[in-house]
Amino acid sequence: WKADFKATPLLQVNVTLHITNCYDTELEVLVTAKTTAGTDTSSTLPFIWSGMIKHRLELREQTTSSVDLTAVFSQPGVYDINQVAVVVVRNSSEVVPQVLNSTSLLRVDSL
């Protein structure tokens, strides 16, 4: 991404998270975008999520759904946008936090 931070101090980037239910039963999925502003991130810069940051999905068996998020950046740099918590609820009682091990880097350059 490229942005002219002198003309517009904030860059908004739309991010789509695709979630697939691989089970043969319906699942409830809770998605929360976590902000990194004010936290210590050693390898990437902080950013914030804008708009609706909590989502609840009902996923039927063997289906995929998506969640639209908006990330906001205030300066050029490399950002790890894998700052999303995903929790699966099975059978209305079993809560299973999902571990997202991958790093999702986004590079923002100044014009």
C-alpha atoms as a PDB file:
ATOM      1  CA  TRP A   1       0.000   0.000   0.000  1.00  0.00           C
ATOM      2  CA  LYS A   2       1.096   3.550  -0.668  1.00  0.00           C
ATOM      3  CA  ALA A   3      -0.233   6.630   1.081  1.00  0.00           C
ATOM      4  CA  ASP A   4       0.378  10.360   1.145  1.00  0.00           C
ATOM      5  CA  PHE A   5       0.405  10.926   4.912  1.00  0.00           C
ATOM      6  CA  LYS A   6       1.003  14.668   4.444  1.00  0.00           C
ATOM      7  CA  ALA A   7      -2.292  15.046   2.568  1.00  0.00           C
ATOM      8  CA  THR A   8      -4.240  12.445   4.572  1.00  0.00           C
ATOM      9  CA  PRO A   9      -2.819  11.536   7.983  1.00  0.00           C
ATOM     10  CA  LEU A  10      -4.583   8.170   8.203  1.00  0.00           C
ATOM     11  CA  LEU A  11      -4.675   5.258   5.765  1.00  0.00           C
ATOM     12  CA  GLN A  12      -7.661   2.904   5.993  1.00  0.00           C
ATOM     13  CA  VAL A  13      -7.255  -0.580   4.525  1.00  0.00           C
ATOM     14  CA  ASN A  14     -10.133  -3.034   4.171  1.00  0.00           C
ATOM     15  CA  VAL A  15      -9.236  -6.533   5.390  1.00  0.00           C
ATOM     16  CA  THR A  16     -11.362  -9.639   4.797  1.00  0.00           C
ATOM     17  CA  LEU A  17     -11.017 -12.657   7.102  1.00  0.00           C
ATOM     18  CA  HIS A  18     -12.346 -15.905   5.605  1.00  0.00           C
ATOM     19  CA  ILE A  19     -13.489 -18.562   8.083  1.00  0.00           C
ATOM     20  CA  THR A  20     -14.279 -22.158   7.091  1.00  0.00           C
ATOM     21  CA  ASN A  21     -16.191 -24.705   9.157  1.00  0.00           C
ATOM     22  CA  CYS A  22     -14.633 -28.088   8.353  1.00  0.00           C
ATOM     23  CA  TYR A  23     -16.853 -29.959  10.820  1.00  0.00           C
ATOM     24  CA  ASP A  24     -20.078 -31.842  10.144  1.00  0.00           C
ATOM     25  CA  THR A  25     -21.932 -29.740  12.690  1.00  0.00           C
ATOM     26  CA  GLU A  26     -22.952 -26.102  12.955  1.00  0.00           C
ATOM     27  CA  LEU A  27     -20.550 -23.825  14.838  1.00  0.00           C
ATOM     28  CA  GLU A  28     -20.819 -20.438  16.471  1.00  0.00           C
ATOM     29  CA  VAL A  29     -17.722 -18.322  15.752  1.00  0.00           C
ATOM     30  CA  LEU A  30     -16.748 -15.192  17.670  1.00  0.00           C
ATOM     31  CA  VAL A  31     -14.216 -12.861  16.027  1.00  0.00           C
ATOM     32  CA  THR A  32     -12.614  -9.908  17.823  1.00  0.00           C
ATOM     33  CA  ALA A  33     -10.088  -7.600  16.176  1.00  0.00           C
ATOM     34  CA  LYS A  34      -7.463  -6.602  18.747  1.00  0.00           C
ATOM     35  CA  THR A  35      -5.797  -3.222  18.612  1.00  0.00           C
ATOM     36  CA  THR A  36      -2.033  -2.951  18.877  1.00  0.00           C
ATOM     37  CA  ALA A  37      -2.002   0.754  19.715  1.00  0.00           C
ATOM     38  CA  GLY A  38      -0.221   1.336  22.997  1.00  0.00           C
ATOM     39  CA  THR A  39       1.274  -2.161  23.116  1.00  0.00           C
ATOM     40  CA  ASP A  40       4.880  -3.198  22.792  1.00  0.00           C
ATOM     41  CA  THR A  41       5.384  -4.779  19.384  1.00  0.00           C
ATOM     42  CA  SER A  42       9.037  -5.469  18.805  1.00  0.00           C
ATOM     43  CA  SER A  43       8.939  -6.278  15.106  1.00  0.00           C
ATOM     44  CA  THR A  44       6.070  -4.208  13.732  1.00  0.00           C
ATOM     45  CA  LEU A  45       4.376  -0.862  14.294  1.00  0.00           C
ATOM     46  CA  PRO A  46       1.083  -0.387  16.165  1.00  0.00           C
ATOM     47  CA  PHE A  47      -2.187   0.232  14.320  1.00  0.00           C
ATOM     48  CA  ILE A  48      -5.884   0.298  15.188  1.00  0.00           C
ATOM     49  CA  TRP A  49      -9.008  -1.375  13.871  1.00  0.00           C
ATOM     50  CA  SER A  50     -11.884   0.915  12.936  1.00  0.00           C
ATOM     51  CA  GLY A  51     -15.609   0.258  12.786  1.00  0.00           C
ATOM     52  CA  MET A  52     -17.182  -2.986  13.939  1.00  0.00           C
ATOM     53  CA  ILE A  53     -14.460  -5.049  15.638  1.00  0.00           C
ATOM     54  CA  LYS A  54     -16.583  -7.838  17.154  1.00  0.00           C
ATOM     55  CA  HIS A  55     -18.484 -10.316  15.015  1.00  0.00           C
ATOM     56  CA  ARG A  56     -20.622 -13.380  15.764  1.00  0.00           C
ATOM     57  CA  LEU A  57     -21.178 -15.929  13.010  1.00  0.00           C
ATOM     58  CA  GLU A  58     -23.297 -19.061  12.766  1.00  0.00           C
ATOM     59  CA  LEU A  59     -21.475 -21.370  10.370  1.00  0.00           C
ATOM     60  CA  ARG A  60     -23.314 -24.375   9.012  1.00  0.00           C
ATOM     61  CA  GLU A  61     -21.304 -27.511   8.441  1.00  0.00           C
ATOM     62  CA  GLN A  62     -18.769 -27.422   5.599  1.00  0.00           C
ATOM     63  CA  THR A  63     -19.352 -23.740   4.789  1.00  0.00           C
ATOM     64  CA  THR A  64     -17.215 -20.609   4.579  1.00  0.00           C
ATOM     65  CA  SER A  65     -18.083 -17.100   5.675  1.00  0.00           C
ATOM     66  CA  SER A  66     -16.158 -13.853   5.787  1.00  0.00           C
ATOM     67  CA  VAL A  67     -15.700 -10.949   8.177  1.00  0.00           C
ATOM     68  CA  ASP A  68     -14.865  -7.482   6.873  1.00  0.00           C
ATOM     69  CA  LEU A  69     -12.553  -5.348   9.003  1.00  0.00           C
ATOM     70  CA  THR A  70     -10.852  -1.976   8.526  1.00  0.00           C
ATOM     71  CA  ALA A  71      -7.277  -1.377   9.676  1.00  0.00           C
ATOM     72  CA  VAL A  72      -6.046   2.195  10.193  1.00  0.00           C
ATOM     73  CA  PHE A  73      -2.379   3.199   9.858  1.00  0.00           C
ATOM     74  CA  SER A  74      -0.801   6.549  10.739  1.00  0.00           C
ATOM     75  CA  GLN A  75       2.693   6.150   9.312  1.00  0.00           C
ATOM     76  CA  PRO A  76       4.707   4.150   6.795  1.00  0.00           C
ATOM     77  CA  GLY A  77       6.119   0.825   7.961  1.00  0.00           C
ATOM     78  CA  VAL A  78       5.557  -2.912   8.242  1.00  0.00           C
ATOM     79  CA  TYR A  79       2.537  -4.041  10.242  1.00  0.00           C
ATOM     80  CA  ASP A  80       1.477  -7.486  11.494  1.00  0.00           C
ATOM     81  CA  ILE A  81      -2.280  -7.410  10.925  1.00  0.00           C
ATOM     82  CA  ASN A  82      -2.765 -10.893  12.416  1.00  0.00           C
ATOM     83  CA  GLN A  83      -4.271  -9.280  15.510  1.00  0.00           C
ATOM     84  CA  VAL A  84      -7.561 -11.136  15.535  1.00  0.00           C
ATOM     85  CA  ALA A  85      -8.963 -13.463  18.198  1.00  0.00           C
ATOM     86  CA  VAL A  86     -11.179 -16.287  16.909  1.00  0.00           C
ATOM     87  CA  VAL A  87     -13.182 -18.452  19.303  1.00  0.00           C
ATOM     88  CA  VAL A  88     -15.353 -21.401  18.261  1.00  0.00           C
ATOM     89  CA  VAL A  89     -18.320 -22.524  20.359  1.00  0.00           C
ATOM     90  CA  ARG A  90     -19.439 -26.121  19.790  1.00  0.00           C
ATOM     91  CA  ASN A  91     -22.620 -27.634  21.217  1.00  0.00           C
ATOM     92  CA  SER A  92     -23.479 -24.341  22.998  1.00  0.00           C
ATOM     93  CA  SER A  93     -20.950 -25.076  25.744  1.00  0.00           C
ATOM     94  CA  GLU A  94     -17.532 -26.130  24.452  1.00  0.00           C
ATOM     95  CA  VAL A  95     -15.429 -23.017  23.846  1.00  0.00           C
ATOM     96  CA  VAL A  96     -12.351 -23.577  21.676  1.00  0.00           C
ATOM     97  CA  PRO A  97      -9.982 -20.603  21.141  1.00  0.00           C
ATOM     98  CA  GLN A  98      -8.320 -20.854  17.747  1.00  0.00           C
ATOM     99  CA  VAL A  99      -4.568 -20.347  17.474  1.00  0.00           C
ATOM    100  CA  LEU A 100      -3.585 -18.251  14.463  1.00  0.00           C
ATOM    101  CA  ASN A 101       0.119 -19.027  14.108  1.00  0.00           C
ATOM    102  CA  SER A 102       0.851 -17.223  10.893  1.00  0.00           C
ATOM    103  CA  THR A 103       2.171 -13.699  10.585  1.00  0.00           C
ATOM    104  CA  SER A 104       0.269 -11.497   8.184  1.00  0.00           C
ATOM    105  CA  LEU A 105       2.487  -8.581   7.230  1.00  0.00           C
ATOM    106  CA  LEU A 106       1.269  -5.456   5.477  1.00  0.00           C
ATOM    107  CA  ARG A 107       3.740  -2.875   4.179  1.00  0.00           C
ATOM    108  CA  VAL A 108       2.743   0.791   3.966  1.00  0.00           C
ATOM    109  CA  ASP A 109       4.967   3.163   1.995  1.00  0.00           C
ATOM    110  CA  SER A 110       4.815   6.932   1.812  1.00  0.00           C
ATOM    111  CA  LEU A 111       4.327   8.639  -1.544  1.00  0.00           C
END
